[in-house]
Amino acid sequence: MNAVAYAEKGWWVLPLKPQSKEPCKFLRHGYLDASSDKSTVKKWFKDDPELNIGLAIVQSNLVVLDFDIRNIASRVLWESYRRICVASNTHTVKTDNGYHFYYLADKLKQFKGKVIPGIDIKHKGYVVLPPSIHPNGTVYQVINDVDPVELPAELEKVMSWN
């Protein structure tokens, strides 16, 4: 999928430097300048096919659970949360060192920073979208190409302040 296709889904995207997680310099306010306007997105990406694609999460009415194997404190707990996410059948991306599970989320919802060590909650901010290339050369890949679903209650309970 390319940046325009993400914008057509209503997702707010932004150009990132090639093989980087860093927003392009021409964005004055970083991920806050993300757009879902197809003509804007086309203009950003037309001259440089090497650009990575970022997703402004809260603007897209989403929350992303970022599972990172490197930071695990409890493999058993990490795996149990991963199984809940897999069972929810939501949009899923394989990252360099784990997974991103995408869920629908109200813009006003307040989320904690993490569920447990190794599972970060991404809401305000952005994540890298496929087919972007990680700084180490790994390609981000969609592994469950379905639309994001509502956050399961058992996850919302451990993720939310309110």
N, C-alpha and C. Protein backbone atom coordinates (compact mmCIF):
# COMPACT_ATOMS: atom_id res chain seq x y z
N MET A 1 0.86 -1.19 0.00
CA MET A 1 0.00 0.00 0.00
C MET A 1 0.90 1.24 0.00
N ASN A 2 0.47 2.26 -0.70
CA ASN A 2 1.26 3.50 -0.70
C ASN A 2 0.57 4.56 0.17
N ALA A 3 1.24 5.70 0.30
CA ALA A 3 0.75 6.76 1.19
C ALA A 3 -0.64 7.25 0.78
N VAL A 4 -0.90 7.38 -0.51
CA VAL A 4 -2.21 7.87 -0.98
C VAL A 4 -3.31 6.86 -0.60
N ALA A 5 -3.01 5.58 -0.74
CA ALA A 5 -4.00 4.55 -0.37
C ALA A 5 -4.34 4.63 1.12
N TYR A 6 -3.36 4.91 1.95
CA TYR A 6 -3.64 5.09 3.39
C TYR A 6 -4.54 6.31 3.60
N ALA A 7 -4.24 7.41 2.88
CA ALA A 7 -5.06 8.63 3.01
C ALA A 7 -6.50 8.34 2.55
N GLU A 8 -6.65 7.51 1.52
CA GLU A 8 -7.99 7.15 1.05
C GLU A 8 -8.79 6.40 2.11
N LYS A 9 -8.09 5.73 3.03
CA LYS A 9 -8.76 5.04 4.15
C LYS A 9 -9.17 6.02 5.24
N GLY A 10 -8.74 7.29 5.09
CA GLY A 10 -9.01 8.28 6.11
C GLY A 10 -7.90 8.38 7.15
N TRP A 11 -6.79 7.70 6.89
CA TRP A 11 -5.66 7.77 7.81
C TRP A 11 -4.82 9.00 7.50
N TRP A 12 -4.31 9.61 8.54
CA TRP A 12 -3.48 10.81 8.41
C TRP A 12 -2.03 10.36 8.31
N VAL A 13 -1.39 10.68 7.18
CA VAL A 13 -0.02 10.23 6.94
C VAL A 13 0.95 11.40 6.84
N LEU A 14 2.21 11.06 6.95
CA LEU A 14 3.26 12.06 6.81
C LEU A 14 4.49 11.39 6.20
N PRO A 15 5.27 12.17 5.45
CA PRO A 15 6.49 11.61 4.87
C PRO A 15 7.61 11.56 5.92
N LEU A 16 8.30 10.42 5.94
CA LEU A 16 9.46 10.24 6.80
C LEU A 16 10.69 10.13 5.90
N LYS A 17 11.84 10.49 6.42
CA LYS A 17 13.08 10.37 5.64
C LYS A 17 13.26 8.91 5.22
N PRO A 18 13.92 8.68 4.07
CA PRO A 18 14.15 7.30 3.61
C PRO A 18 14.88 6.47 4.67
N GLN A 19 14.40 5.24 4.85
CA GLN A 19 14.97 4.29 5.81
C GLN A 19 15.19 4.94 7.18
N SER A 20 14.16 5.67 7.63
CA SER A 20 14.25 6.42 8.88
C SER A 20 12.87 6.50 9.52
N LYS A 21 12.86 6.82 10.81
CA LYS A 21 11.60 7.07 11.53
C LYS A 21 11.39 8.57 11.72
N GLU A 22 12.28 9.37 11.15
CA GLU A 22 12.27 10.81 11.36
C GLU A 22 11.44 11.53 10.29
N PRO A 23 10.52 12.44 10.71
CA PRO A 23 9.74 13.20 9.73
C PRO A 23 10.65 14.02 8.81
N CYS A 24 10.19 14.22 7.58
CA CYS A 24 10.94 15.05 6.63
C CYS A 24 11.07 16.47 7.15
N LYS A 25 12.17 17.11 6.81
CA LYS A 25 12.46 18.46 7.30
C LYS A 25 11.44 19.51 6.86
N PHE A 26 10.81 19.29 5.69
CA PHE A 26 9.87 20.32 5.20
C PHE A 26 8.58 20.36 6.01
N LEU A 27 8.35 19.37 6.88
CA LEU A 27 7.19 19.43 7.78
C LEU A 27 7.59 20.31 8.96
N ARG A 28 6.94 21.43 9.10
CA ARG A 28 7.35 22.38 10.14
C ARG A 28 7.05 21.88 11.55
N HIS A 29 5.98 21.07 11.69
CA HIS A 29 5.57 20.62 13.03
C HIS A 29 5.56 19.09 13.14
N GLY A 30 6.40 18.44 12.36
CA GLY A 30 6.51 16.98 12.43
C GLY A 30 5.18 16.29 12.16
N TYR A 31 4.85 15.31 12.99
CA TYR A 31 3.63 14.52 12.76
C TYR A 31 2.36 15.35 12.88
N LEU A 32 2.42 16.51 13.52
CA LEU A 32 1.23 17.37 13.62
C LEU A 32 0.83 17.94 12.26
N ASP A 33 1.74 17.88 11.29
CA ASP A 33 1.44 18.35 9.93
C ASP A 33 0.90 17.22 9.04
N ALA A 34 0.67 16.05 9.60
CA ALA A 34 0.14 14.93 8.82
C ALA A 34 -1.17 15.33 8.15
N SER A 35 -1.51 14.62 7.07
CA SER A 35 -2.72 14.95 6.32
C SER A 35 -3.38 13.68 5.79
N SER A 36 -4.70 13.78 5.63
CA SER A 36 -5.43 12.71 4.93
C SER A 36 -5.93 13.24 3.58
N ASP A 37 -5.51 14.44 3.22
CA ASP A 37 -5.88 15.04 1.94
C ASP A 37 -5.03 14.41 0.82
N LYS A 38 -5.72 13.74 -0.11
CA LYS A 38 -5.01 12.97 -1.13
C LYS A 38 -4.06 13.82 -1.98
N SER A 39 -4.47 15.04 -2.34
CA SER A 39 -3.60 15.86 -3.19
C SER A 39 -2.34 16.29 -2.42
N THR A 40 -2.49 16.60 -1.15
CA THR A 40 -1.32 16.96 -0.33
C THR A 40 -0.38 15.76 -0.22
N VAL A 41 -0.94 14.59 0.07
CA VAL A 41 -0.13 13.38 0.23
C VAL A 41 0.57 13.03 -1.08
N LYS A 42 -0.16 13.13 -2.20
CA LYS A 42 0.44 12.86 -3.52
C LYS A 42 1.64 13.76 -3.75
N LYS A 43 1.46 15.06 -3.45
CA LYS A 43 2.52 16.05 -3.66
C LYS A 43 3.76 15.69 -2.82
N TRP A 44 3.54 15.30 -1.57
CA TRP A 44 4.67 14.96 -0.70
C TRP A 44 5.48 13.79 -1.25
N PHE A 45 4.79 12.77 -1.73
CA PHE A 45 5.45 11.51 -2.06
C PHE A 45 5.83 11.35 -3.54
N LYS A 46 5.36 12.26 -4.42
CA LYS A 46 5.55 12.01 -5.86
C LYS A 46 7.01 12.11 -6.31
N ASP A 47 7.80 12.95 -5.68
CA ASP A 47 9.17 13.16 -6.16
C ASP A 47 10.19 12.22 -5.54
N ASP A 48 9.84 11.54 -4.46
CA ASP A 48 10.80 10.67 -3.80
C ASP A 48 10.16 9.36 -3.37
N PRO A 49 10.25 8.33 -4.22
CA PRO A 49 9.64 7.03 -3.90
C PRO A 49 10.35 6.31 -2.74
N GLU A 50 11.50 6.83 -2.31
CA GLU A 50 12.25 6.21 -1.22
C GLU A 50 11.73 6.63 0.16
N LEU A 51 10.86 7.62 0.21
CA LEU A 51 10.37 8.10 1.51
C LEU A 51 9.63 7.01 2.26
N ASN A 52 9.85 6.97 3.57
CA ASN A 52 9.03 6.12 4.43
C ASN A 52 7.71 6.83 4.71
N ILE A 53 6.74 6.08 5.20
CA ILE A 53 5.41 6.62 5.47
C ILE A 53 5.13 6.53 6.96
N GLY A 54 4.70 7.65 7.52
CA GLY A 54 4.32 7.67 8.93
C GLY A 54 2.81 7.80 9.05
N LEU A 55 2.28 7.33 10.17
CA LEU A 55 0.85 7.44 10.48
C LEU A 55 0.69 8.27 11.75
N ALA A 56 -0.02 9.40 11.63
CA ALA A 56 -0.37 10.19 12.82
C ALA A 56 -1.54 9.47 13.48
N ILE A 57 -1.32 8.93 14.65
CA ILE A 57 -2.24 7.96 15.24
C ILE A 57 -3.54 8.60 15.73
N VAL A 58 -3.44 9.56 16.63
CA VAL A 58 -4.66 10.12 17.22
C VAL A 58 -5.53 10.80 16.16
N GLN A 59 -4.89 11.48 15.19
CA GLN A 59 -5.65 12.14 14.13
C GLN A 59 -6.44 11.13 13.30
N SER A 60 -5.94 9.89 13.24
CA SER A 60 -6.58 8.83 12.46
C SER A 60 -7.60 8.04 13.28
N ASN A 61 -7.89 8.51 14.50
CA ASN A 61 -8.84 7.83 15.40
C ASN A 61 -8.40 6.40 15.71
N LEU A 62 -7.10 6.25 15.95
CA LEU A 62 -6.55 4.93 16.23
C LEU A 62 -5.70 4.95 17.49
N VAL A 63 -5.43 3.75 17.98
CA VAL A 63 -4.40 3.53 19.00
C VAL A 63 -3.64 2.29 18.53
N VAL A 64 -2.33 2.28 18.74
CA VAL A 64 -1.51 1.17 18.28
C VAL A 64 -0.78 0.55 19.47
N LEU A 65 -0.91 -0.76 19.60
CA LEU A 65 -0.13 -1.48 20.60
C LEU A 65 1.17 -1.92 19.93
N ASP A 66 2.28 -1.48 20.48
CA ASP A 66 3.61 -1.73 19.91
C ASP A 66 4.31 -2.80 20.75
N PHE A 67 4.31 -4.02 20.23
CA PHE A 67 4.96 -5.15 20.89
C PHE A 67 6.41 -5.21 20.44
N ASP A 68 7.34 -5.08 21.37
CA ASP A 68 8.76 -5.07 21.03
C ASP A 68 9.47 -6.15 21.84
N ILE A 69 9.96 -7.15 21.16
CA ILE A 69 10.59 -8.30 21.81
C ILE A 69 11.80 -7.89 22.66
N ARG A 70 12.53 -6.87 22.21
CA ARG A 70 13.74 -6.43 22.92
C ARG A 70 13.50 -6.07 24.37
N ASN A 71 12.32 -5.52 24.67
CA ASN A 71 12.09 -4.93 25.99
C ASN A 71 11.25 -5.79 26.93
N ILE A 72 11.11 -7.06 26.62
CA ILE A 72 10.26 -7.95 27.42
C ILE A 72 10.83 -8.16 28.82
N ALA A 73 9.96 -8.04 29.82
CA ALA A 73 10.33 -8.42 31.18
C ALA A 73 9.75 -9.81 31.47
N SER A 74 8.52 -10.04 31.01
CA SER A 74 7.85 -11.33 31.21
C SER A 74 7.36 -11.87 29.87
N ARG A 75 8.01 -12.90 29.38
CA ARG A 75 7.63 -13.49 28.09
C ARG A 75 6.21 -14.05 28.15
N VAL A 76 5.86 -14.65 29.28
CA VAL A 76 4.53 -15.26 29.44
C VAL A 76 3.44 -14.20 29.34
N LEU A 77 3.60 -13.12 30.07
CA LEU A 77 2.61 -12.03 30.05
C LEU A 77 2.56 -11.39 28.66
N TRP A 78 3.72 -11.13 28.07
CA TRP A 78 3.81 -10.53 26.74
C TRP A 78 3.05 -11.39 25.73
N GLU A 79 3.28 -12.70 25.77
CA GLU A 79 2.61 -13.64 24.86
C GLU A 79 1.10 -13.68 25.10
N SER A 80 0.69 -13.59 26.35
CA SER A 80 -0.76 -13.63 26.62
C SER A 80 -1.45 -12.40 26.04
N TYR A 81 -0.83 -11.23 26.14
CA TYR A 81 -1.40 -10.03 25.51
C TYR A 81 -1.36 -10.13 24.00
N ARG A 82 -0.28 -10.69 23.45
CA ARG A 82 -0.19 -10.85 22.00
C ARG A 82 -1.30 -11.75 21.49
N ARG A 83 -1.59 -12.81 22.22
CA ARG A 83 -2.68 -13.72 21.82
C ARG A 83 -4.04 -13.03 21.83
N ILE A 84 -4.27 -12.15 22.80
CA ILE A 84 -5.52 -11.38 22.84
C ILE A 84 -5.62 -10.52 21.57
N CYS A 85 -4.52 -9.88 21.21
CA CYS A 85 -4.51 -9.02 20.02
C CYS A 85 -4.73 -9.84 18.75
N VAL A 86 -4.06 -10.97 18.63
CA VAL A 86 -4.23 -11.82 17.45
C VAL A 86 -5.68 -12.29 17.35
N ALA A 87 -6.26 -12.69 18.49
CA ALA A 87 -7.65 -13.19 18.51
C ALA A 87 -8.65 -12.09 18.15
N SER A 88 -8.28 -10.83 18.35
CA SER A 88 -9.20 -9.72 18.04
C SER A 88 -9.32 -9.48 16.54
N ASN A 89 -8.44 -10.10 15.74
CA ASN A 89 -8.48 -9.99 14.28
C ASN A 89 -8.52 -8.54 13.81
N THR A 90 -7.51 -7.78 14.22
CA THR A 90 -7.41 -6.38 13.82
C THR A 90 -6.23 -6.20 12.87
N HIS A 91 -6.10 -5.01 12.31
CA HIS A 91 -4.99 -4.69 11.40
C HIS A 91 -3.67 -4.88 12.14
N THR A 92 -2.76 -5.65 11.54
CA THR A 92 -1.50 -5.99 12.21
C THR A 92 -0.32 -5.82 11.26
N VAL A 93 0.77 -5.25 11.81
CA VAL A 93 1.99 -5.02 11.05
C VAL A 93 3.15 -5.70 11.77
N LYS A 94 3.99 -6.39 10.99
CA LYS A 94 5.24 -6.95 11.51
C LYS A 94 6.27 -5.85 11.42
N THR A 95 6.89 -5.54 12.57
CA THR A 95 7.91 -4.49 12.63
C THR A 95 9.29 -5.15 12.68
N ASP A 96 10.30 -4.37 12.88
CA ASP A 96 11.65 -4.91 12.96
C ASP A 96 11.79 -5.92 14.09
N ASN A 97 11.16 -5.62 15.22
CA ASN A 97 11.40 -6.44 16.40
C ASN A 97 10.11 -6.81 17.13
N GLY A 98 9.01 -6.92 16.37
CA GLY A 98 7.74 -7.24 17.01
C GLY A 98 6.56 -6.98 16.11
N TYR A 99 5.53 -6.35 16.69
CA TYR A 99 4.27 -6.17 15.97
C TYR A 99 3.62 -4.85 16.37
N HIS A 100 2.84 -4.30 15.45
CA HIS A 100 1.93 -3.20 15.74
C HIS A 100 0.51 -3.72 15.53
N PHE A 101 -0.32 -3.63 16.55
CA PHE A 101 -1.74 -3.98 16.45
C PHE A 101 -2.53 -2.68 16.49
N TYR A 102 -3.35 -2.44 15.46
CA TYR A 102 -4.09 -1.19 15.29
C TYR A 102 -5.53 -1.36 15.78
N TYR A 103 -6.00 -0.39 16.57
CA TYR A 103 -7.38 -0.42 17.06
C TYR A 103 -8.02 0.96 16.88
N LEU A 104 -9.33 0.96 16.71
CA LEU A 104 -10.08 2.22 16.68
C LEU A 104 -10.07 2.81 18.08
N ALA A 105 -9.92 4.13 18.17
CA ALA A 105 -9.90 4.77 19.48
C ALA A 105 -10.37 6.21 19.37
N ASP A 106 -11.17 6.62 20.30
CA ASP A 106 -11.64 7.99 20.37
C ASP A 106 -10.45 8.93 20.58
N LYS A 107 -10.45 10.07 19.87
CA LYS A 107 -9.37 11.05 20.00
C LYS A 107 -9.19 11.54 21.44
N LEU A 108 -10.29 11.57 22.20
CA LEU A 108 -10.23 12.14 23.55
C LEU A 108 -9.81 11.13 24.62
N LYS A 109 -9.73 9.89 24.25
CA LYS A 109 -9.37 8.84 25.20
C LYS A 109 -7.96 9.08 25.74
N GLN A 110 -7.78 8.84 27.01
CA GLN A 110 -6.45 8.98 27.63
C GLN A 110 -5.87 7.60 27.86
N PHE A 111 -4.71 7.34 27.29
CA PHE A 111 -4.05 6.05 27.44
C PHE A 111 -2.75 6.19 28.23
N LYS A 112 -2.40 5.13 28.92
CA LYS A 112 -1.12 5.06 29.60
C LYS A 112 -0.02 4.96 28.55
N GLY A 113 1.22 4.96 28.97
CA GLY A 113 2.34 4.86 28.04
C GLY A 113 2.67 3.43 27.64
N LYS A 114 2.37 2.49 28.56
CA LYS A 114 2.66 1.10 28.24
C LYS A 114 1.73 0.18 29.02
N VAL A 115 1.58 -1.04 28.50
CA VAL A 115 0.80 -2.06 29.19
C VAL A 115 1.72 -2.76 30.18
N ILE A 116 2.83 -3.27 29.68
CA ILE A 116 3.90 -3.89 30.47
C ILE A 116 5.20 -3.62 29.72
N PRO A 117 6.37 -3.86 30.33
CA PRO A 117 7.60 -3.72 29.55
C PRO A 117 7.55 -4.60 28.29
N GLY A 118 7.80 -3.97 27.14
CA GLY A 118 7.74 -4.68 25.87
C GLY A 118 6.46 -4.45 25.11
N ILE A 119 5.49 -3.76 25.72
CA ILE A 119 4.25 -3.41 25.02
C ILE A 119 3.93 -1.94 25.29
N ASP A 120 4.29 -1.09 24.32
CA ASP A 120 4.01 0.35 24.43
C ASP A 120 2.67 0.66 23.80
N ILE A 121 2.03 1.70 24.33
CA ILE A 121 0.75 2.18 23.79
C ILE A 121 1.05 3.45 23.00
N LYS A 122 0.81 3.41 21.70
CA LYS A 122 1.05 4.57 20.84
C LYS A 122 -0.30 5.21 20.51
N HIS A 123 -0.47 6.46 20.93
CA HIS A 123 -1.73 7.16 20.66
C HIS A 123 -1.41 8.57 20.17
N LYS A 124 -0.82 9.36 21.03
CA LYS A 124 -0.37 10.69 20.59
C LYS A 124 1.02 10.46 20.00
N GLY A 125 1.19 10.86 18.78
CA GLY A 125 2.45 10.61 18.10
C GLY A 125 2.21 9.87 16.80
N TYR A 126 3.21 9.11 16.36
CA TYR A 126 3.08 8.43 15.07
C TYR A 126 3.83 7.11 15.10
N VAL A 127 3.49 6.26 14.13
CA VAL A 127 4.22 5.01 13.89
C VAL A 127 4.58 4.95 12.41
N VAL A 128 5.48 4.03 12.09
CA VAL A 128 5.91 3.83 10.70
C VAL A 128 5.00 2.79 10.05
N LEU A 129 4.55 3.10 8.83
CA LEU A 129 3.66 2.21 8.08
C LEU A 129 4.41 1.40 7.01
N PRO A 130 3.91 0.21 6.69
CA PRO A 130 4.44 -0.54 5.56
C PRO A 130 4.14 0.21 4.25
N PRO A 131 4.94 0.06 3.23
CA PRO A 131 6.12 -0.81 3.12
C PRO A 131 7.41 -0.08 3.47
N SER A 132 7.39 0.78 4.48
CA SER A 132 8.58 1.53 4.87
C SER A 132 9.71 0.59 5.27
N ILE A 133 10.92 1.14 5.24
CA ILE A 133 12.11 0.37 5.59
C ILE A 133 12.68 0.89 6.91
N HIS A 134 12.83 -0.03 7.87
CA HIS A 134 13.40 0.29 9.19
C HIS A 134 14.85 0.77 9.00
N PRO A 135 15.36 1.60 9.91
CA PRO A 135 16.75 2.05 9.79
C PRO A 135 17.77 0.90 9.60
N ASN A 136 17.46 -0.30 10.12
CA ASN A 136 18.41 -1.41 9.96
C ASN A 136 18.18 -2.21 8.68
N GLY A 137 17.18 -1.80 7.87
CA GLY A 137 16.96 -2.47 6.59
C GLY A 137 15.76 -3.40 6.53
N THR A 138 15.17 -3.73 7.66
CA THR A 138 13.97 -4.58 7.69
C THR A 138 12.78 -3.83 7.09
N VAL A 139 11.95 -4.52 6.33
CA VAL A 139 10.76 -3.90 5.74
C VAL A 139 9.55 -4.15 6.65
N TYR A 140 8.81 -3.08 6.96
CA TYR A 140 7.56 -3.22 7.70
C TYR A 140 6.55 -3.93 6.79
N GLN A 141 5.84 -4.93 7.31
CA GLN A 141 4.92 -5.70 6.48
C GLN A 141 3.57 -5.86 7.17
N VAL A 142 2.50 -5.67 6.38
CA VAL A 142 1.16 -5.96 6.89
C VAL A 142 1.01 -7.47 6.94
N ILE A 143 0.66 -8.01 8.11
CA ILE A 143 0.48 -9.46 8.22
C ILE A 143 -0.98 -9.84 8.48
N ASN A 144 -1.82 -8.85 8.79
CA ASN A 144 -3.27 -9.09 8.85
C ASN A 144 -3.94 -7.87 8.24
N ASP A 145 -4.26 -7.97 6.94
CA ASP A 145 -4.76 -6.84 6.18
C ASP A 145 -6.27 -6.71 6.30
N VAL A 146 -6.71 -6.33 7.49
CA VAL A 146 -8.12 -6.06 7.76
C VAL A 146 -8.20 -4.67 8.38
N ASP A 147 -9.40 -4.11 8.42
CA ASP A 147 -9.56 -2.80 9.05
C ASP A 147 -9.39 -2.94 10.56
N PRO A 148 -8.88 -1.87 11.21
CA PRO A 148 -8.80 -1.90 12.67
C PRO A 148 -10.18 -2.09 13.29
N VAL A 149 -10.22 -2.81 14.39
CA VAL A 149 -11.46 -3.07 15.10
C VAL A 149 -11.48 -2.28 16.41
N GLU A 150 -12.63 -2.29 17.06
CA GLU A 150 -12.74 -1.66 18.38
C GLU A 150 -11.79 -2.34 19.35
N LEU A 151 -11.27 -1.57 20.26
CA LEU A 151 -10.37 -2.09 21.28
C LEU A 151 -11.12 -3.07 22.19
N PRO A 152 -10.63 -4.31 22.31
CA PRO A 152 -11.30 -5.25 23.22
C PRO A 152 -11.31 -4.72 24.65
N ALA A 153 -12.41 -4.95 25.36
CA ALA A 153 -12.58 -4.42 26.72
C ALA A 153 -11.44 -4.83 27.64
N GLU A 154 -10.96 -6.07 27.51
CA GLU A 154 -9.89 -6.53 28.40
C GLU A 154 -8.59 -5.76 28.16
N LEU A 155 -8.37 -5.28 26.94
CA LEU A 155 -7.20 -4.45 26.67
C LEU A 155 -7.43 -3.02 27.14
N GLU A 156 -8.61 -2.50 26.84
CA GLU A 156 -8.91 -1.12 27.23
C GLU A 156 -8.74 -0.93 28.74
N LYS A 157 -9.14 -1.93 29.50
CA LYS A 157 -9.04 -1.87 30.96
C LYS A 157 -7.60 -1.64 31.42
N VAL A 158 -6.63 -2.31 30.79
CA VAL A 158 -5.23 -2.18 31.22
C VAL A 158 -4.52 -1.02 30.54
N MET A 159 -5.16 -0.41 29.53
CA MET A 159 -4.52 0.66 28.77
C MET A 159 -4.96 2.06 29.17
N SER A 160 -6.14 2.18 29.78
CA SER A 160 -6.76 3.49 29.95
C SER A 160 -6.63 4.05 31.34
N TRP A 161 -6.61 5.36 31.40
CA TRP A 161 -6.69 6.06 32.68
C TRP A 161 -8.14 6.32 33.04
N ASN A 162 -9.01 6.48 31.99
CA ASN A 162 -10.40 6.88 32.26
C ASN A 162 -11.38 5.86 31.75
